[in-house]
Protein backbone atom coordinates (compact mmCIF):
# COMPACT_ATOMS: atom_id res chain seq x y z
CA UNK A 1 20.45 -36.24 -32.73
CA UNK A 2 20.37 -32.56 -31.69
CA UNK A 3 20.43 -31.51 -28.08
CA UNK A 4 17.14 -30.31 -26.55
CA UNK A 5 16.76 -26.53 -26.34
CA UNK A 6 17.66 -25.03 -22.99
CA UNK A 7 14.97 -23.62 -20.74
CA UNK A 8 15.49 -19.95 -19.98
CA UNK A 9 14.52 -17.87 -17.00
CA UNK A 10 11.74 -15.53 -18.15
CA UNK A 11 10.89 -14.02 -14.78
CA UNK A 12 12.53 -11.51 -12.53
CA UNK A 13 12.69 -11.83 -8.79
CA UNK A 14 10.53 -9.38 -6.93
CA UNK A 15 12.19 -7.48 -4.14
CA UNK A 16 10.17 -8.04 -1.00
CA UNK A 17 10.11 -5.82 2.02
CA UNK A 18 11.72 -7.14 5.17
CA UNK A 19 10.80 -5.86 8.62
CA UNK A 20 13.91 -5.29 10.72
CA UNK A 21 13.61 -3.02 13.77
CA UNK A 22 16.32 -0.39 13.74
CA UNK A 23 17.54 1.96 16.43
CA UNK A 24 18.36 5.60 15.91
CA UNK A 25 19.69 8.54 17.84
CA UNK A 26 16.15 9.05 19.19
CA UNK A 27 15.69 5.48 20.44
CA UNK A 28 14.83 5.02 24.10
CA UNK A 29 17.72 2.66 24.75
CA UNK A 30 20.36 5.10 23.50
CA UNK A 31 21.74 8.21 25.14
CA UNK A 32 22.10 11.06 22.67
CA UNK A 33 22.37 14.81 22.89
CA UNK A 34 19.98 15.02 19.93
CA UNK A 35 17.24 13.43 22.04
CA UNK A 36 17.79 16.07 24.67
CA UNK A 37 17.53 18.91 22.17
CA UNK A 38 14.31 17.58 20.66
CA UNK A 39 12.87 16.95 24.11
CA UNK A 40 13.53 20.56 25.03
CA UNK A 41 11.85 21.70 21.81
CA UNK A 42 8.73 19.67 22.60
CA UNK A 43 8.68 20.95 26.19
CA UNK A 44 9.04 24.51 24.90
CA UNK A 45 6.20 23.99 22.43
CA UNK A 46 3.99 22.65 25.21
CA UNK A 47 4.67 25.63 27.48
CA UNK A 48 4.04 28.04 24.57
CA UNK A 49 0.68 26.38 23.92
CA UNK A 50 -0.20 26.35 27.62
CA UNK A 51 0.68 30.03 28.07
CA UNK A 52 -1.30 30.95 24.95
CA UNK A 53 -4.38 29.14 26.29
CA UNK A 54 -3.97 30.71 29.73
CA UNK A 55 -3.61 34.18 28.23
CA UNK A 56 -6.69 33.67 26.06
CA UNK A 57 -8.73 32.53 29.06
CA UNK A 58 -7.46 35.44 31.17
CA UNK A 59 -8.36 37.97 28.46
CA UNK A 60 -11.63 36.15 27.73
CA UNK A 61 -10.66 35.58 24.12
CA UNK A 62 -11.19 32.35 22.16
CA UNK A 63 -8.12 30.17 21.69
CA UNK A 64 -9.11 29.64 18.05
CA UNK A 65 -10.71 32.52 16.19
CA UNK A 66 -14.29 31.94 15.07
CA UNK A 67 -13.29 32.57 11.45
CA UNK A 68 -10.58 29.90 11.51
CA UNK A 69 -12.81 27.45 13.37
CA UNK A 70 -15.54 27.97 10.77
CA UNK A 71 -12.99 27.35 8.01
CA UNK A 72 -11.83 24.06 9.55
CA UNK A 73 -15.34 22.76 10.20
CA UNK A 74 -16.91 23.92 6.93
CA UNK A 75 -19.05 21.04 5.56
CA UNK A 76 -17.33 18.65 7.99
CA UNK A 77 -20.10 16.05 7.85
CA UNK A 78 -20.12 15.97 4.05
CA UNK A 79 -16.33 15.69 4.05
CA UNK A 80 -16.37 12.68 6.40
CA UNK A 81 -19.00 10.87 4.31
CA UNK A 82 -17.15 11.64 1.07
CA UNK A 83 -13.85 10.40 2.48
CA UNK A 84 -15.48 7.17 3.65
CA UNK A 85 -16.99 6.61 0.20
CA UNK A 86 -13.60 7.30 -1.35
CA UNK A 87 -11.94 4.59 0.72
CA UNK A 88 -14.74 2.10 0.09
CA UNK A 89 -14.54 2.71 -3.67
CA UNK A 90 -10.94 1.47 -3.57
CA UNK A 91 -12.36 -2.02 -3.06
CA UNK A 92 -12.92 -2.10 -6.81
CA UNK A 93 -9.38 -3.44 -7.16
CA UNK A 94 -10.52 -6.78 -5.69
CA UNK A 95 -12.74 -7.89 -8.62
CA UNK A 96 -10.03 -6.75 -11.06
CA UNK A 97 -7.43 -8.87 -9.28
CA UNK A 98 -9.83 -11.82 -9.18
CA UNK A 99 -10.56 -11.44 -12.89
CA UNK A 100 -6.86 -11.54 -13.70
CA UNK A 101 -6.28 -14.51 -11.41
CA UNK A 102 -9.14 -16.45 -13.03
CA UNK A 103 -8.00 -15.57 -16.58
CA UNK A 104 -11.09 -13.46 -17.25
CA UNK A 105 -8.64 -10.67 -18.08
CA UNK A 106 -5.65 -11.88 -20.15
CA UNK A 107 -2.38 -11.58 -18.29
CA UNK A 108 -0.87 -9.74 -21.28
CA UNK A 109 -3.36 -6.88 -20.95
CA UNK A 110 -3.80 -6.98 -17.16
CA UNK A 111 -1.49 -4.05 -16.49
CA UNK A 112 -3.17 -1.91 -19.15
CA UNK A 113 -6.64 -2.70 -17.82
CA UNK A 114 -5.53 -1.99 -14.25
CA UNK A 115 -3.94 1.32 -15.23
CA UNK A 116 -6.97 2.40 -17.25
CA UNK A 117 -9.36 1.54 -14.40
CA UNK A 118 -7.29 3.40 -11.82
CA UNK A 119 -6.90 6.41 -14.12
CA UNK A 120 -10.66 6.64 -14.65
CA UNK A 121 -11.29 6.21 -10.91
CA UNK A 122 -8.77 8.92 -10.01
CA UNK A 123 -10.07 11.37 -12.63
CA UNK A 124 -13.68 10.93 -11.49
CA UNK A 125 -12.86 11.51 -7.82
CA UNK A 126 -10.52 14.42 -8.57
CA UNK A 127 -13.22 16.15 -10.60
CA UNK A 128 -15.79 15.50 -7.87
CA UNK A 129 -13.57 16.96 -5.13
CA UNK A 130 -12.86 20.24 -6.88
CA UNK A 131 -16.41 20.55 -8.19
CA UNK A 132 -17.77 20.78 -4.66
CA UNK A 133 -18.28 24.04 -2.81
CA UNK A 134 -15.48 23.36 -0.32
CA UNK A 135 -12.81 25.65 1.07
CA UNK A 136 -9.15 24.94 0.32
CA UNK A 137 -8.36 23.03 3.57
CA UNK A 138 -11.09 20.46 2.86
CA UNK A 139 -10.33 20.12 -0.85
CA UNK A 140 -6.57 19.93 -0.30
CA UNK A 141 -6.75 17.31 2.48
CA UNK A 142 -9.16 15.13 0.51
CA UNK A 143 -7.00 15.42 -2.62
CA UNK A 144 -3.97 14.24 -0.63
CA UNK A 145 -5.94 11.27 0.68
CA UNK A 146 -7.06 10.52 -2.88
CA UNK A 147 -3.44 10.40 -4.08
CA UNK A 148 -2.45 8.14 -1.17
CA UNK A 149 -5.29 5.72 -1.97
CA UNK A 150 -4.32 5.76 -5.64
CA UNK A 151 -0.79 4.62 -4.74
CA UNK A 152 -2.11 1.91 -2.41
CA UNK A 153 -4.53 0.64 -5.05
CA UNK A 154 -1.85 0.61 -7.74
CA UNK A 155 0.51 -1.36 -5.50
CA UNK A 156 -2.27 -3.88 -4.74
CA UNK A 157 -3.05 -4.49 -8.40
CA UNK A 158 0.55 -4.46 -9.63
CA UNK A 159 1.64 -6.94 -6.97
CA UNK A 160 -1.21 -9.36 -7.58
CA UNK A 161 -0.73 -9.20 -11.36
CA UNK A 162 2.94 -10.01 -10.76
CA UNK A 163 1.89 -12.93 -8.55
CA UNK A 164 -0.37 -14.21 -11.34
CA UNK A 165 2.55 -14.19 -13.76
CA UNK A 166 4.78 -15.95 -11.25
CA UNK A 167 2.14 -18.60 -10.55
CA UNK A 168 1.71 -19.32 -14.28
CA UNK A 169 5.48 -19.52 -14.66
CA UNK A 170 5.68 -21.98 -11.77
CA UNK A 171 3.00 -24.17 -13.35
CA UNK A 172 4.89 -24.12 -16.65
CA UNK A 173 8.12 -25.10 -14.91
CA UNK A 174 6.48 -28.10 -13.24
CA UNK A 175 5.26 -29.31 -16.64
CA UNK A 176 8.70 -28.91 -18.23
CA UNK A 177 10.60 -31.02 -15.73
CA UNK A 178 11.70 -34.26 -17.34
CA UNK A 179 10.37 -33.34 -20.79
CA UNK A 180 12.36 -30.71 -22.69
CA UNK A 181 15.09 -29.64 -20.29
CA UNK A 182 18.52 -31.17 -19.91
CA UNK A 183 19.88 -32.16 -16.50
CA UNK A 184 21.83 -28.90 -16.14
CA UNK A 185 18.83 -26.80 -17.13
CA UNK A 186 16.64 -28.65 -14.64
CA UNK A 187 18.88 -27.43 -11.84
CA UNK A 188 18.48 -23.82 -12.96
CA UNK A 189 14.74 -24.24 -13.42
CA UNK A 190 14.41 -25.92 -10.01
CA UNK A 191 16.11 -22.94 -8.34
CA UNK A 192 13.76 -20.58 -10.15
CA UNK A 193 10.72 -22.62 -9.13
CA UNK A 194 11.82 -22.67 -5.49
CA UNK A 195 12.33 -18.91 -5.59
CA UNK A 196 8.86 -18.30 -7.05
CA UNK A 197 7.19 -20.58 -4.52
CA UNK A 198 8.83 -18.66 -1.69
CA UNK A 199 7.57 -15.38 -3.12
CA UNK A 200 3.99 -16.66 -3.25
CA UNK A 201 3.95 -17.32 0.51
CA UNK A 202 3.71 -14.61 3.16
CA UNK A 203 6.66 -14.13 5.49
CA UNK A 204 4.65 -13.70 8.67
CA UNK A 205 1.35 -15.60 8.55
CA UNK A 206 2.07 -18.11 5.78
CA UNK A 207 -0.75 -16.72 3.62
CA UNK A 208 -0.39 -17.93 0.04
CA UNK A 209 -1.44 -16.50 -3.30
CA UNK A 210 -4.26 -16.44 -4.49
CA UNK A 211 -5.86 -16.90 -1.06
CA UNK A 212 -4.95 -13.28 -0.32
CA UNK A 213 -7.45 -11.81 -2.81
CA UNK A 214 -10.23 -11.35 -0.28
CA UNK A 215 -12.09 -8.43 1.24
CA UNK A 216 -10.57 -9.15 4.67
CA UNK A 217 -7.01 -9.06 3.34
CA UNK A 218 -7.72 -5.85 1.43
CA UNK A 219 -9.16 -4.19 4.55
CA UNK A 220 -6.09 -5.24 6.53
CA UNK A 221 -3.86 -3.67 3.87
CA UNK A 222 -5.88 -0.43 3.86
CA UNK A 223 -5.48 -0.12 7.63
CA UNK A 224 -1.73 -0.70 7.52
CA UNK A 225 0.27 2.56 7.20
CA UNK A 226 2.09 1.39 4.08
CA UNK A 227 1.81 2.27 0.39
CA UNK A 228 3.40 -1.03 -0.68
CA UNK A 229 1.26 -4.17 -0.74
CA UNK A 230 2.52 -7.43 0.74
CA UNK A 231 0.80 -10.75 1.30
CA UNK A 232 0.96 -10.07 5.02
CA UNK A 233 2.53 -7.59 7.39
CA UNK A 234 4.48 -8.06 10.63
CA UNK A 235 2.64 -7.96 13.91
CA UNK A 236 3.90 -7.03 17.33
CA UNK A 237 3.77 -9.78 19.96
CA UNK A 238 1.10 -7.89 21.89
């Protein structure tokens, strides 16, 4: 009688971010000559700004030239509305993630579908930005924000697709126990299953996949100053 085939590890562990507060030469609790130098630079910059304002007031000249002020505020209202619509349009990643999680999009083509959707979204917004009658400060700042939102959206989709694969792998491992694996292979598979289950649980709030695919969780991620998606993020005690 031949031995049963071994069960192999088909998944790779995902490196998760860990929040560890670190001190530097600029930390409050450390004495450093570098802190003194930078403090002097900031003090010098403040006095330069203050003297410039005082001189402008004394000479009855505007602190900011009307031409530069008009450049900065050109179509400001339209820019604010457009930027808000840009951020809200990023919520389109939620139905894509839900479709993958519910097997409406096959896991084999999930990355292709996600990439195609994000590429079309980015191209449409990029064309819209530079088609408008905006000056370079407005177009450049909005283009930078577009790129940042593209990276955040890609991280959201890529991470949740990876979670879907890990969840399916975990379900397959549970079915294999006691059926086709030898005793030695069960130990390896058990370690893999434990590792996957830890990855599918948040480090800080205990949020589990797929309970994270919600509008509230997406909004929390968009407000966090990070381009890398996690199930949850650390919070300060206060």
